[in-house]
Amino acid sequence: MAKRIETVILGVGNTLLGDEGIGVHAVRRLDHEKLPSSVLLIDGSTAGFKLLALFEQYNGCRFIIIDALQADQNQKKGTVYCIPLDDFYRVSQSGCSDPDFISFHQTAVTDVLKLSCLTRQSKITGYFIGVNIMHAQQDHLDFSMTLSKEAQSALEKIVEIVKKLL
């Protein structure tokens, strides 16, 4: 008998760009935690629109999506945000082109969620956990497979938030 999945924790990001891979690193870190059997961890890497099939496959499940973002330049690098997906949809569907709120992937998670909503006529429920990976003096990401000390510290905050959400 297959286990019943109620919550999908999806980490996205490019691990070749250091902190940009925070979502993937978070899923790997969560794999070492004792989580309920109804939780599925998925490394979404840089899948972009390929995530649509995942959203369809786990239709009806709650999602916790973990990704890097560039928030307000005044926020500290490593700041962790937990945003209900309902609020995330409002940002996505408003046509907001706020340059202070972006994903670093070729396809932003907001784009995938919006397309999923349009094609399925329903929204995915859950939370988006985002980590600010840039600071005011930084204008690009360097190639690296390791996390900065700020992103490493954010991993522990992510684990705490995920456990509270479960």
Protein backbone atom coordinates (compact mmCIF):
# COMPACT_ATOMS: atom_id res chain seq x y z
CA MET A 1 0.00 0.00 0.00
CA ALA A 2 1.43 3.37 -1.05
CA LYS A 3 1.77 6.02 1.62
CA ARG A 4 -0.67 8.92 1.50
CA ILE A 5 1.07 12.21 0.71
CA GLU A 6 -0.51 15.25 2.36
CA THR A 7 2.35 17.77 2.18
CA VAL A 8 4.97 18.23 -0.53
CA ILE A 9 8.08 20.18 0.41
CA LEU A 10 9.61 21.46 -2.81
CA GLY A 11 13.06 23.02 -2.82
CA VAL A 12 14.07 24.91 -5.95
CA GLY A 13 17.27 26.62 -6.96
CA ASN A 14 20.55 26.35 -8.79
CA THR A 15 23.22 24.83 -6.54
CA LEU A 16 25.95 26.02 -8.94
CA LEU A 17 25.20 29.62 -7.91
CA GLY A 18 25.84 29.31 -4.18
CA ASP A 19 23.02 30.80 -2.14
CA GLU A 20 20.65 30.64 -5.12
CA GLY A 21 20.44 26.90 -4.40
CA ILE A 22 19.08 27.42 -0.87
CA GLY A 23 15.82 25.60 -1.65
CA VAL A 24 17.66 22.46 -2.77
CA HIS A 25 20.01 22.65 0.22
CA ALA A 26 16.98 23.02 2.52
CA VAL A 27 15.32 19.87 1.14
CA ARG A 28 18.59 17.97 1.58
CA ARG A 29 18.84 19.25 5.16
CA LEU A 30 15.21 18.33 5.89
CA ASP A 31 15.91 14.81 4.65
CA HIS A 32 17.91 14.31 7.87
CA GLU A 33 14.95 15.31 10.07
CA LYS A 34 12.23 13.05 11.39
CA LEU A 35 9.20 14.14 9.38
CA PRO A 36 5.73 12.58 9.22
CA SER A 37 5.34 9.80 6.65
CA SER A 38 2.73 11.93 4.87
CA VAL A 39 5.45 14.43 3.86
CA LEU A 40 7.29 14.14 0.55
CA LEU A 41 10.56 16.01 -0.05
CA ILE A 42 11.33 16.95 -3.66
CA ASP A 43 14.44 18.54 -5.13
CA GLY A 44 12.94 20.72 -7.88
CA SER A 45 16.31 22.19 -8.81
CA THR A 46 15.76 24.52 -11.81
CA ALA A 47 12.83 22.58 -13.28
CA GLY A 48 10.80 25.70 -14.13
CA PHE A 49 7.64 24.85 -16.04
CA LYS A 50 8.31 21.13 -15.58
CA LEU A 51 6.97 21.69 -12.07
CA LEU A 52 3.48 21.89 -13.59
CA ALA A 53 3.39 18.08 -13.85
CA LEU A 54 4.41 17.85 -10.20
CA PHE A 55 1.61 20.19 -9.14
CA GLU A 56 -0.84 18.09 -11.13
CA GLN A 57 0.47 14.80 -9.73
CA TYR A 58 0.07 16.03 -6.15
CA ASN A 59 -3.17 17.92 -6.74
CA GLY A 60 -4.94 18.34 -3.40
CA CYS A 61 -1.74 18.22 -1.37
CA ARG A 62 -0.42 21.19 0.54
CA PHE A 63 2.90 22.56 -0.76
CA ILE A 64 5.76 24.21 1.05
CA ILE A 65 7.98 25.77 -1.61
CA ILE A 66 11.48 26.90 -0.60
CA ASP A 67 13.46 29.23 -2.84
CA ALA A 68 15.89 32.14 -2.91
CA LEU A 69 14.68 35.64 -3.55
CA GLN A 70 15.91 39.17 -3.66
CA ALA A 71 13.79 41.16 -1.26
CA ASP A 72 14.01 44.79 -0.30
CA GLN A 73 17.64 45.92 -0.55
CA ASN A 74 17.39 47.16 3.04
CA GLN A 75 16.76 43.65 4.36
CA LYS A 76 19.70 41.64 5.62
CA LYS A 77 21.08 38.82 3.51
CA GLY A 78 19.75 35.58 4.99
CA THR A 79 16.39 37.05 6.07
CA VAL A 80 13.75 34.30 5.88
CA TYR A 81 10.20 35.02 4.76
CA CYS A 82 7.22 32.68 5.15
CA ILE A 83 4.40 33.73 2.84
CA PRO A 84 1.06 31.92 2.48
CA LEU A 85 0.67 30.90 -1.16
CA ASP A 86 -2.63 32.80 -1.31
CA ASP A 87 -0.64 36.00 -0.77
CA PHE A 88 1.97 34.84 -3.25
CA TYR A 89 -0.75 34.43 -5.90
CA ARG A 90 -1.89 37.98 -5.30
CA VAL A 91 1.62 39.23 -6.07
CA SER A 92 1.79 36.95 -9.10
CA GLN A 93 -1.63 37.83 -10.48
CA SER A 94 -1.40 41.54 -9.88
CA GLY A 95 0.94 41.99 -12.82
CA CYS A 96 3.46 43.30 -10.33
CA SER A 97 6.84 43.73 -11.95
CA ASP A 98 8.51 44.80 -8.72
CA PRO A 99 12.26 44.40 -9.35
CA ASP A 100 12.82 44.01 -5.60
CA PHE A 101 10.94 40.69 -5.54
CA ILE A 102 12.39 38.27 -8.07
CA SER A 103 13.43 34.69 -8.44
CA PHE A 104 16.79 33.93 -9.97
CA HIS A 105 15.58 31.09 -12.15
CA GLN A 106 14.91 31.30 -15.83
CA THR A 107 11.27 30.83 -14.87
CA ALA A 108 10.08 32.33 -11.60
CA VAL A 109 8.04 30.23 -9.20
CA THR A 110 5.30 32.87 -9.45
CA ASP A 111 5.10 32.22 -13.21
CA VAL A 112 4.69 28.48 -12.69
CA LEU A 113 2.05 28.96 -9.98
CA LYS A 114 0.11 31.38 -12.15
CA LEU A 115 0.16 29.05 -15.16
CA SER A 116 -0.82 26.12 -12.96
CA CYS A 117 -3.78 28.13 -11.66
CA LEU A 118 -4.84 29.08 -15.18
CA THR A 119 -4.61 25.56 -16.58
CA ARG A 120 -6.03 23.68 -13.59
CA GLN A 121 -8.57 26.32 -12.58
CA SER A 122 -7.46 25.87 -8.97
CA LYS A 123 -4.72 27.19 -6.73
CA ILE A 124 -2.08 25.23 -4.90
CA THR A 125 -2.33 25.72 -1.15
CA GLY A 126 0.48 26.04 1.34
CA TYR A 127 3.43 28.33 1.91
CA PHE A 128 6.40 29.87 0.17
CA ILE A 129 9.55 30.12 2.26
CA GLY A 130 11.98 32.55 0.69
CA VAL A 131 15.46 33.55 1.73
CA ASN A 132 16.92 36.92 0.80
CA ILE A 133 20.25 36.01 -0.76
CA MET A 134 21.45 39.43 -1.88
CA HIS A 135 22.62 42.49 -0.01
CA ALA A 136 22.75 46.13 -0.99
CA GLN A 137 26.32 46.11 -2.31
CA GLN A 138 25.90 42.91 -4.33
CA ASP A 139 24.60 42.99 -7.90
CA HIS A 140 25.29 39.42 -9.08
CA LEU A 141 25.78 35.85 -7.92
CA ASP A 142 29.10 34.05 -8.16
CA PHE A 143 29.60 30.45 -9.19
CA SER A 144 29.95 28.37 -6.04
CA MET A 145 28.55 25.12 -4.71
CA THR A 146 28.65 26.26 -1.08
CA LEU A 147 26.33 28.48 0.90
CA SER A 148 27.36 31.74 2.55
CA LYS A 149 27.31 31.88 6.34
CA GLU A 150 24.06 33.87 6.17
CA ALA A 151 22.36 31.25 3.98
CA GLN A 152 23.73 28.44 6.14
CA SER A 153 22.19 30.13 9.17
CA ALA A 154 18.90 30.51 7.28
CA LEU A 155 18.77 26.72 6.79
CA GLU A 156 18.18 26.21 10.50
CA LYS A 157 15.41 28.83 10.48
CA ILE A 158 13.82 27.06 7.50
CA VAL A 159 13.83 23.73 9.35
CA GLU A 160 12.13 25.39 12.36
CA ILE A 161 9.47 27.02 10.16
CA VAL A 162 8.76 23.81 8.24
CA LYS A 163 8.34 21.83 11.46
CA LYS A 164 5.87 24.44 12.77
CA LEU A 165 3.91 24.31 9.51
CA LEU A 166 3.63 20.51 9.65
